Protein backbone atom coordinates (compact mmCIF):
# COMPACT_ATOMS: atom_id res chain seq x y z
CA MET A 1 7.93 17.53 18.24
CA LEU A 2 4.93 17.29 20.57
CA MET A 3 2.60 18.69 17.90
CA VAL A 4 3.91 16.38 15.17
CA VAL A 5 3.78 13.22 17.32
CA SER A 6 0.37 14.01 18.81
CA SER A 7 -1.12 14.77 15.39
CA ASN A 8 0.20 11.42 14.09
CA VAL A 9 -1.21 9.58 17.11
CA LEU A 10 -4.57 11.28 16.52
CA THR A 11 -4.43 10.19 12.88
CA ILE A 12 -3.97 6.58 13.98
CA LEU A 13 -6.83 6.77 16.49
CA VAL A 14 -9.20 8.34 13.97
CA SER A 15 -8.19 5.74 11.36
CA LEU A 16 -8.96 2.96 13.83
CA PHE A 17 -12.30 4.53 14.73
CA THR A 18 -13.43 5.11 11.15
CA GLY A 19 -11.97 1.78 10.03
CA PHE A 20 -14.28 -0.15 12.33
CA ILE A 21 -17.34 2.12 12.62
CA LEU A 22 -18.02 2.81 8.92
CA PRO A 23 -18.00 -0.89 7.91
CA LYS A 24 -20.41 -1.55 10.78
CA GLU A 25 -22.89 1.13 9.74
CA LEU A 26 -22.71 0.96 5.94
CA SER A 27 -24.08 -1.78 3.74
CA ILE A 28 -21.56 -4.03 1.99
CA GLU A 29 -22.29 -2.28 -1.34
CA ASP A 30 -21.98 1.27 0.03
CA TYR A 31 -18.79 0.36 1.86
CA ALA A 32 -17.36 -1.16 -1.34
CA TYR A 33 -17.95 2.03 -3.35
CA TYR A 34 -16.55 4.15 -0.51
CA ARG A 35 -13.42 1.95 -0.58
CA VAL A 36 -13.15 2.40 -4.37
CA TYR A 37 -12.73 6.11 -3.69
CA VAL A 38 -10.22 5.45 -0.86
CA LEU A 39 -8.20 3.06 -3.05
CA TYR A 40 -7.72 5.40 -6.00
CA ILE A 41 -7.48 8.73 -4.17
CA ALA A 42 -4.35 7.34 -2.48
CA TYR A 43 -2.61 7.85 -5.84
CA ALA A 44 -3.52 11.54 -6.08
CA GLY A 45 0.13 12.47 -5.52
CA PHE A 46 1.09 11.00 -8.89
CA PHE A 47 -0.55 13.97 -10.55
CA HIS A 48 1.99 16.52 -9.39
CA PHE A 49 4.57 14.31 -11.24
CA GLY A 50 7.29 14.86 -8.65
CA PHE A 51 7.06 18.66 -8.84
CA VAL A 52 6.54 19.00 -5.06
CA ASN A 53 9.40 16.57 -4.35
CA GLY A 54 11.69 18.52 -6.66
CA ILE A 55 10.97 21.75 -4.78
CA TYR A 56 11.61 19.94 -1.50
CA LEU A 57 14.99 18.69 -2.74
CA LYS A 58 16.12 22.06 -4.08
CA TYR A 59 14.90 24.38 -1.34
CA GLY A 60 14.68 22.03 1.67
CA ASN A 61 17.49 23.84 3.52
CA LEU A 62 15.79 27.26 3.51
CA ASP A 63 13.68 28.98 6.15
CA VAL A 64 10.47 30.79 5.21
CA ASP A 65 12.17 34.21 5.08
CA GLN A 66 14.88 32.84 2.76
CA ILE A 67 12.74 31.30 0.01
CA PRO A 68 12.53 33.38 -3.21
CA LYS A 69 8.96 34.70 -3.03
CA LYS A 70 8.52 35.61 -6.72
CA ILE A 71 9.73 32.19 -7.87
CA PHE A 72 7.47 30.42 -5.38
CA ARG A 73 4.47 32.45 -6.55
CA THR A 74 5.20 31.09 -10.02
CA TYR A 75 5.39 27.58 -8.57
CA SER A 76 2.00 28.16 -6.92
CA TYR A 77 0.51 29.32 -10.19
CA PHE A 78 1.96 26.33 -12.06
CA MET A 79 0.73 23.88 -9.41
CA VAL A 80 -2.85 25.13 -9.69
CA LEU A 81 -2.63 25.15 -13.50
CA MET A 82 -1.21 21.61 -13.58
CA GLN A 83 -3.98 20.31 -11.32
CA ALA A 84 -6.65 21.99 -13.45
CA LEU A 85 -5.25 20.27 -16.56
CA ALA A 86 -5.14 16.95 -14.69
CA VAL A 87 -8.83 17.31 -13.81
CA VAL A 88 -9.72 18.07 -17.45
CA GLY A 89 -7.75 15.07 -18.71
CA LEU A 90 -9.08 12.65 -16.10
CA SER A 91 -12.64 13.89 -16.61
CA ALA A 92 -12.38 13.16 -20.32
CA ILE A 93 -11.08 9.64 -19.59
CA LEU A 94 -13.87 9.05 -17.07
CA PHE A 95 -16.50 10.31 -19.51
CA ALA A 96 -15.24 7.94 -22.20
CA GLY A 97 -14.91 4.97 -19.84
CA GLY A 98 -18.10 5.65 -17.95
CA PHE A 99 -20.17 3.91 -20.59
CA PHE A 100 -18.54 0.60 -19.62
CA MET A 101 -18.90 0.99 -15.82
CA GLU A 102 -21.81 0.83 -13.42
CA ALA A 103 -23.18 4.20 -12.33
CA ASP A 104 -22.05 3.96 -8.69
CA LYS A 105 -18.47 3.29 -9.68
CA VAL A 106 -18.53 6.28 -12.05
CA ILE A 107 -19.70 8.44 -9.13
CA ALA A 108 -16.87 7.13 -6.92
CA PHE A 109 -14.32 7.90 -9.66
CA ALA A 110 -15.84 11.35 -10.20
CA PHE A 111 -15.17 12.20 -6.57
CA VAL A 112 -11.60 10.94 -7.00
CA VAL A 113 -11.11 13.37 -9.90
CA ILE A 114 -12.63 16.25 -7.91
CA ASN A 115 -10.47 15.62 -4.87
CA ILE A 116 -7.11 15.15 -6.62
CA PRO A 117 -6.42 18.90 -7.00
CA LEU A 118 -7.67 19.63 -3.48
CA ILE A 119 -5.27 17.10 -1.97
CA ASN A 120 -2.30 17.98 -4.17
CA VAL A 121 -2.55 21.75 -3.76
CA LYS A 122 -2.89 21.29 0.00
CA TRP A 123 0.16 19.00 -0.03
CA PHE A 124 2.13 21.58 -2.05
CA TYR A 125 1.70 24.20 0.67
CA SER A 126 2.01 21.66 3.48
CA SER A 127 5.41 20.52 2.16
CA ILE A 128 6.56 24.16 2.16
CA ASN A 129 5.47 24.43 5.80
CA GLN A 130 7.50 21.33 6.60
CA PHE A 131 10.79 22.14 4.89
CA THR A 132 10.68 25.70 6.30
CA LYS A 133 10.33 24.05 9.75
CA ARG A 134 6.86 25.46 10.45
CA PHE A 135 5.74 22.12 11.80
CA VAL A 136 3.29 23.57 14.30
CA ILE A 137 1.06 25.37 11.83
CA ASP A 138 1.18 22.33 9.53
CA SER A 139 0.06 20.14 12.44
CA TYR A 140 -2.94 22.44 12.94
CA VAL A 141 -4.24 21.35 9.53
CA THR A 142 -3.60 17.68 10.35
CA PHE A 143 -5.51 18.08 13.62
CA LEU A 144 -8.38 19.80 11.82
CA GLN A 145 -8.58 17.11 9.15
CA ASN A 146 -8.70 14.38 11.79
CA ILE A 147 -11.40 16.18 13.75
CA LEU A 148 -13.47 16.66 10.59
CA ASN A 149 -13.11 12.97 9.71
CA LEU A 150 -14.20 12.05 13.22
CA ALA A 151 -17.16 14.42 12.97
CA MET A 152 -18.12 12.81 9.65
CA VAL A 153 -18.38 9.37 11.28
CA LEU A 154 -20.40 10.78 14.20
CA PHE A 155 -22.83 12.47 11.78
CA VAL A 156 -23.22 9.18 9.94
CA ILE A 157 -24.22 7.50 13.20
CA LEU A 158 -26.40 10.31 14.57
CA PHE A 159 -28.31 11.14 11.39
CA GLY A 160 -28.28 7.73 9.71
CA TRP A 161 -26.36 8.93 6.61
CA TYR A 162 -25.66 5.38 5.43
CA ASP A 163 -24.93 6.35 1.84
CA TYR A 164 -21.41 6.42 0.39
CA LYS A 165 -22.26 9.48 -1.72
CA ILE A 166 -22.94 11.55 1.41
CA LEU A 167 -19.59 10.43 2.84
CA LEU A 168 -17.77 11.47 -0.32
CA VAL A 169 -19.45 14.89 -0.33
CA ILE A 170 -18.36 15.44 3.29
CA LEU A 171 -14.79 14.30 2.52
CA THR A 172 -14.66 16.69 -0.44
CA VAL A 173 -15.75 19.61 1.75
CA CYS A 174 -13.13 18.64 4.35
CA ASN A 175 -10.38 18.49 1.72
CA LEU A 176 -11.46 21.84 0.28
CA LEU A 177 -11.39 23.48 3.71
CA CYS A 178 -7.94 22.08 4.55
CA MET A 179 -6.58 23.22 1.18
CA VAL A 180 -7.86 26.76 1.71
CA ILE A 181 -6.31 26.91 5.20
CA ALA A 182 -2.94 25.62 3.92
CA MET A 183 -3.03 28.26 1.18
CA GLY A 184 -3.85 30.94 3.76
CA GLN A 185 -0.84 29.89 5.82
CA ASN A 186 1.32 30.65 2.77
CA LYS A 187 -0.37 33.79 1.46
CA GLN A 188 3.02 35.48 1.02
CA ILE A 189 3.72 33.13 -1.92
CA LEU A 190 0.15 33.07 -3.16
CA TRP A 191 -0.40 36.67 -4.19
CA GLY A 192 1.89 39.27 -5.72
CA ARG A 193 4.36 39.63 -8.56
CA ARG A 194 5.90 36.43 -9.91
CA GLU A 195 8.66 35.36 -12.26
CA PRO A 196 7.88 34.27 -15.85
CA LEU A 197 6.76 30.64 -16.02
CA GLY A 198 9.54 29.59 -18.38
CA GLU A 199 12.37 31.00 -16.25
CA VAL A 200 12.04 29.11 -12.95
CA GLY A 201 13.35 25.67 -13.92
CA ILE A 202 10.13 23.67 -13.57
CA PRO A 203 11.21 20.80 -15.92
CA ALA A 204 14.37 20.29 -13.84
CA LEU A 205 12.31 20.15 -10.63
CA ILE A 206 10.00 17.51 -12.07
CA LYS A 207 12.94 15.51 -13.40
CA SER A 208 14.73 15.51 -10.03
CA GLY A 209 11.59 14.83 -8.00
CA PHE A 210 9.77 12.24 -10.12
CA PHE A 211 11.72 9.16 -9.06
CA LEU A 212 11.76 10.24 -5.43
CA MET A 213 7.96 10.55 -5.61
CA LEU A 214 7.76 7.14 -7.27
CA SER A 215 9.90 5.51 -4.59
CA GLU A 216 7.58 6.86 -1.88
CA PHE A 217 4.61 5.23 -3.61
CA ILE A 218 6.13 1.78 -4.25
CA GLY A 219 4.79 0.10 -1.12
CA LEU A 220 1.38 1.66 -1.78
CA ILE A 221 1.52 0.53 -5.41
CA ILE A 222 2.26 -3.07 -4.47
CA LEU A 223 -0.55 -3.19 -1.93
CA GLY A 224 -2.76 -1.28 -4.36
CA ILE A 225 -2.18 -3.57 -7.34
CA ASP A 226 -3.86 -6.48 -5.59
CA SER A 227 -6.79 -4.26 -4.54
CA MET A 228 -7.21 -3.13 -8.15
CA PHE A 229 -7.20 -6.75 -9.31
CA VAL A 230 -9.94 -7.61 -6.82
CA ASP A 231 -11.91 -4.45 -7.68
CA ASN A 232 -11.92 -5.16 -11.41
CA LEU A 233 -11.97 -8.98 -11.53
CA PHE A 234 -14.21 -9.90 -8.60
CA GLY A 235 -17.61 -8.82 -7.29
CA GLN A 236 -18.27 -5.81 -5.05
CA THR A 237 -18.77 -8.01 -1.99
CA ASP A 238 -15.36 -9.61 -2.53
CA PHE A 239 -13.83 -6.18 -2.99
CA ALA A 240 -15.47 -4.94 0.22
CA MET A 241 -13.92 -7.84 2.15
CA TYR A 242 -10.50 -7.37 0.60
CA SER A 243 -10.42 -3.59 0.94
CA PHE A 244 -11.50 -3.85 4.58
CA ALA A 245 -8.49 -6.13 5.17
CA VAL A 246 -6.21 -3.59 3.45
CA SER A 247 -7.63 -0.77 5.62
CA VAL A 248 -6.64 -2.69 8.77
CA ILE A 249 -3.10 -3.21 7.42
CA ALA A 250 -2.81 0.47 6.48
CA VAL A 251 -3.40 1.50 10.10
CA ILE A 252 -0.65 -0.88 11.27
CA TYR A 253 1.76 0.55 8.66
CA THR A 254 1.15 4.02 10.08
CA LEU A 255 1.66 2.80 13.64
CA ILE A 256 4.95 1.07 12.73
CA THR A 257 6.30 4.23 11.11
CA VAL A 258 5.54 6.35 14.17
CA VAL A 259 7.08 3.81 16.59
CA SER A 260 10.12 3.15 14.41
CA ASN A 261 10.83 6.83 13.91
CA LEU A 262 11.46 7.09 17.65
CA VAL A 263 14.29 4.53 17.29
CA TYR A 264 15.67 5.72 13.95
CA PRO A 265 17.28 9.06 15.00
CA TYR A 266 19.56 7.25 17.45
CA LEU A 267 20.78 4.89 14.75
CA VAL A 268 21.18 7.12 11.71
CA ARG A 269 23.82 9.54 13.03
CA VAL A 270 26.83 7.30 12.53
CA SER A 271 30.13 7.59 10.69
CA GLU A 272 30.64 5.98 7.29
CA GLU A 273 32.79 3.13 8.62
CA LYS A 274 29.87 2.00 10.78
CA TYR A 275 27.31 1.80 7.96
CA ALA A 276 27.46 -2.01 7.85
CA GLU A 277 27.17 -2.41 11.62
CA TYR A 278 24.20 -0.05 11.87
CA TYR A 279 22.47 -1.53 8.84
CA GLY A 280 22.34 -4.82 10.69
CA LEU A 281 21.40 -3.20 14.00
CA MET A 282 18.56 -1.14 12.51
CA SER A 283 17.24 -4.19 10.67
CA ASP A 284 17.32 -6.37 13.77
CA VAL A 285 15.62 -3.77 15.99
CA LEU A 286 12.87 -3.15 13.46
CA VAL A 287 12.29 -6.88 12.96
CA VAL A 288 11.51 -7.11 16.68
CA VAL A 289 9.26 -4.03 16.57
CA SER A 290 7.31 -5.34 13.57
CA MET A 291 7.06 -8.86 15.03
CA PHE A 292 5.32 -7.54 18.13
CA SER A 293 3.14 -5.18 16.07
CA MET A 294 1.60 -8.27 14.47
CA LEU A 295 -0.17 -8.83 17.80
CA ALA A 296 -2.64 -6.28 16.46
CA PHE A 297 -4.05 -9.03 14.21
CA TYR A 298 -5.57 -10.82 17.18
CA VAL A 299 -7.11 -7.57 18.45
CA ALA A 300 -8.56 -6.89 14.99
CA GLU A 301 -9.82 -10.47 14.71
CA PHE A 302 -11.54 -10.25 18.11
CA ALA A 303 -13.16 -6.92 17.16
CA ILE A 304 -14.42 -8.31 13.85
CA LEU A 305 -15.88 -11.44 15.44
CA GLN A 306 -17.59 -9.43 18.17
CA TRP A 307 -18.54 -6.29 16.26
CA LEU A 308 -18.37 -6.80 12.49
CA GLY A 309 -19.70 -10.28 11.84
CA LYS A 310 -20.47 -9.52 8.18
CA PHE A 311 -16.73 -9.00 7.57
CA THR A 312 -15.69 -12.36 9.05
CA PRO A 313 -14.62 -13.63 5.57
CA SER A 314 -11.96 -10.90 5.51
CA ILE A 315 -10.10 -12.36 8.52
CA SER A 316 -8.17 -14.87 6.40
CA VAL A 317 -7.03 -12.10 4.06
CA ILE A 318 -6.03 -9.86 6.99
CA ALA A 319 -3.94 -12.73 8.40
CA ILE A 320 -2.11 -13.22 5.11
CA LEU A 321 -1.46 -9.50 4.60
CA PHE A 322 -0.18 -9.10 8.16
CA GLY A 323 2.87 -11.05 7.04
CA THR A 324 3.85 -8.08 4.85
CA ILE A 325 4.37 -5.88 7.91
CA VAL A 326 7.90 -7.13 8.69
CA PHE A 327 9.09 -6.72 5.10
CA ARG A 328 7.39 -3.36 4.55
CA THR A 329 9.06 -2.02 7.70
CA LEU A 330 12.53 -3.19 6.70
CA ILE A 331 12.24 -2.02 3.09
CA THR A 332 10.88 1.42 3.94
CA LEU A 333 12.84 2.36 7.04
CA VAL A 334 16.16 0.58 6.48
CA CYS A 335 16.74 -0.20 2.81
CA GLY A 336 15.08 2.97 1.49
CA ASN A 337 17.20 5.21 3.69
CA TYR A 338 20.41 3.37 2.86
CA PHE A 339 19.77 3.81 -0.87
CA LYS A 340 19.73 7.56 -0.17
CA VAL A 341 22.66 7.57 2.28
CA LEU A 342 24.88 5.67 -0.15
CA LYS A 343 23.70 7.80 -3.11
CA MET A 344 22.52 4.66 -4.99
CA ILE A 345 19.76 6.50 -6.86
CA LYS A 346 19.96 4.43 -10.05
CA ALA A 347 19.86 1.17 -8.08
CA TYR A 348 16.94 2.58 -6.05
CA THR A 349 14.95 3.26 -9.21
CA GLU A 350 15.72 -0.16 -10.69
CA ASN A 351 14.74 -1.81 -7.41
CA ASN A 352 11.41 0.01 -7.38
CA VAL A 353 10.62 -1.00 -10.96
CA PHE A 354 11.50 -4.60 -10.11
CA ALA A 355 9.12 -4.51 -7.14
CA ILE A 356 6.19 -3.30 -9.25
CA ALA A 357 6.92 -5.87 -11.97
CA ILE A 358 7.14 -8.85 -9.61
CA SER A 359 3.94 -7.79 -7.85
CA PHE A 360 2.04 -7.50 -11.13
CA VAL A 361 3.30 -10.86 -12.43
CA LEU A 362 2.46 -12.70 -9.20
CA ASN A 363 -1.02 -11.15 -9.04
CA VAL A 364 -1.75 -12.20 -12.62
CA ALA A 365 -0.51 -15.71 -11.87
CA ALA A 366 -2.62 -15.92 -8.69
CA TYR A 367 -5.77 -14.89 -10.55
CA LEU A 368 -5.22 -17.21 -13.54
CA LEU A 369 -4.37 -20.22 -11.35
CA PHE A 370 -6.90 -19.89 -8.52
CA HIS A 371 -9.61 -17.27 -9.33
CA ASP A 372 -9.80 -16.60 -5.57
CA TYR A 373 -9.04 -13.23 -4.01
CA THR A 374 -7.39 -14.96 -1.02
CA TYR A 375 -4.55 -15.99 -3.34
CA ILE A 376 -4.22 -12.38 -4.50
CA ALA A 377 -3.26 -11.62 -0.88
CA VAL A 378 -0.77 -14.51 -0.95
CA ALA A 379 0.73 -13.00 -4.12
CA SER A 380 1.19 -9.67 -2.31
CA LEU A 381 2.93 -11.37 0.59
CA LEU A 382 5.26 -13.22 -1.80
CA SER A 383 5.96 -9.94 -3.60
CA PHE A 384 7.12 -8.29 -0.39
CA ILE A 385 9.25 -11.30 0.57
CA ILE A 386 11.00 -11.42 -2.80
CA TRP A 387 11.40 -7.64 -2.86
CA TYR A 388 13.02 -7.60 0.58
CA VAL A 389 15.38 -10.54 -0.06
CA VAL A 390 16.58 -9.03 -3.35
CA THR A 391 16.98 -5.57 -1.80
CA ASP A 392 18.75 -6.89 1.28
CA ARG A 393 21.21 -8.79 -0.95
CA ILE A 394 22.16 -5.47 -2.59
CA PHE A 395 23.31 -4.03 0.74
CA ILE A 396 24.88 -7.29 1.92
CA ARG A 397 27.19 -7.04 -1.10
CA GLN A 398 27.59 -3.26 -0.95
CA LEU A 399 28.43 -3.16 2.76
CA GLN A 400 30.26 -6.53 2.75
CA ILE A 401 28.10 -7.98 5.52
CA SER A 402 29.00 -11.50 6.66
CA VAL A 403 26.56 -14.42 6.62
CA ARG A 404 26.33 -14.22 10.40
CA GLY A 405 25.22 -10.60 10.02
CA TYR A 406 21.93 -11.53 8.34
CA ALA A 407 21.35 -15.28 8.84
CA VAL A 408 20.04 -14.88 12.40
CA ARG A 409 17.65 -12.15 11.25
CA TYR A 410 16.24 -14.40 8.52
CA ILE A 411 15.80 -17.25 11.02
CA CYS A 412 13.98 -14.89 13.39
CA ILE A 413 11.62 -13.65 10.66
CA LEU A 414 10.90 -17.21 9.53
CA ALA A 415 10.26 -18.44 13.08
CA SER A 416 7.89 -15.56 13.91
CA LEU A 417 5.92 -15.98 10.66
CA VAL A 418 5.60 -19.74 11.13
CA LEU A 419 4.35 -19.18 14.69
CA PHE A 420 1.93 -16.49 13.51
CA TYR A 421 0.37 -18.63 10.77
CA VAL A 422 0.22 -21.73 12.97
CA LEU A 423 -1.88 -19.69 15.43
CA LYS A 424 -4.06 -18.16 12.69
CA ASP A 425 -7.11 -20.33 13.48
CA VAL A 426 -6.65 -20.39 17.27
CA GLU A 427 -9.11 -18.40 19.41
CA PRO A 428 -7.79 -14.78 19.30
CA ILE A 429 -7.27 -14.06 23.01
CA ARG A 430 -5.41 -17.32 23.56
CA ALA A 431 -3.41 -16.85 20.34
CA PHE A 432 -2.45 -13.31 21.43
CA PHE A 433 -0.68 -14.49 24.58
CA ILE A 434 0.93 -17.51 22.91
CA TYR A 435 2.30 -15.38 20.07
CA PHE A 436 3.51 -12.70 22.52
CA ALA A 437 5.39 -15.27 24.57
CA GLY A 438 6.77 -16.91 21.43
CA CYS A 439 8.02 -13.60 20.01
CA ALA A 440 9.63 -12.70 23.32
CA ILE A 441 11.52 -16.01 23.38
CA ILE A 442 12.52 -15.75 19.69
CA SER A 443 13.73 -12.16 20.16
CA LEU A 444 15.80 -12.98 23.22
CA LEU A 445 17.37 -16.01 21.56
CA CYS A 446 18.19 -14.20 18.32
CA PHE A 447 18.89 -10.60 19.35
CA HIS A 448 19.97 -10.42 22.99
CA LYS A 449 23.31 -8.82 21.98
CA GLN A 450 21.61 -6.23 19.77
CA MET A 451 19.14 -5.36 22.53
CA LYS A 452 21.98 -4.64 24.94
CA LYS A 453 23.64 -2.41 22.32
CA VAL A 454 20.45 -0.41 21.68
CA ILE A 455 19.90 0.08 25.42
CA SER A 456 23.46 1.34 25.80
CA LEU A 457 23.01 3.76 22.87
CA VAL A 458 19.81 5.18 24.37
CA ARG A 459 21.44 5.58 27.78
CA ALA A 460 24.43 7.31 26.17
CA ARG A 461 22.08 9.81 24.52
């Protein structure tokens, strides 16, 4: 547990460091092309088509000495083959589309294509480490990757490597090294005799894992759709501002997940007759956690004003996107898990498709009506709000939750968001303390009973 938590904390710290140092040192144009790579490489996992998730579902209860070695060697072979075919296909698409793009963007996309197999093959072996409970050796790779990313930023500063192409070369080398190490950790399923490719049930694995993979990407897709709109419909300077805002939000998402996971284990181990009670309790606790996490906006705003003056235009976008934090937390950590607990897989898939559709429609409407990337951020916020309300209604009906069980939570969310946006233009240090005090009062008024219950649960444990 110590290794996993500390590696996640290090990831957050490195993300914060790189998120504020690189924009400071790079030009707007170089930062924009670097962010093009970051935006699209986030979708690398699509190109294993759920294969890794399917393996996780089928063999997730086995230890390393129990997994069928010959079958897993075939899976390894197929994974490498599939990634090679993905590179060939994507390279052909890039070659054909490259005639219609500027050279720097083609270079950024080329590095995306190169890194997709490195990331996916590494993730294939990393997932095996995780479901066989070898968390420590998997954390070694996470530590190494963070240290290499930190070293990259230091080299940029020390040697003046203010060129996005140099950064992408370094990232590629880092990904290659981490992939090789992850493969070495699983050499027992890398070399040796294997089963025939057609006899190990690969289509069934992809079929079972595809929608689980898709559900894990939904939040990223929604936040990514607006970035893609800005990337393709606005200038590079606008994209740099918008993508910087998204990078700040991404760090907060990671922080929320780590903090919330400390609460979640106490709440999830309940009997079936208490599903409704704990759905409400989990939601209420995480609303409070996410409300206070929005204090990070004022810290980010202060840092930008003092350190990154050229990114001042991004502050308004960051403020708008910070409103998604509450809804992203509830959807991911409460609703997503209850879809799985209640075996509502079909409803889960339909809900995910709805979320993508509403996000796309609202982004198109925002662009056609306003032609301003600030309203693209507003469209993302509205997408998350609609997605959460619709999803929450599913469980309100399914679990037969009374109006009192969710009305107070909605009032609390509304009050905290109104307070946050009222303070948006107030000097950041002053706004920080006002918002903190306001959230404390709102939380106590709305959730004092729930807080007592959580404290009693923790003490009981």
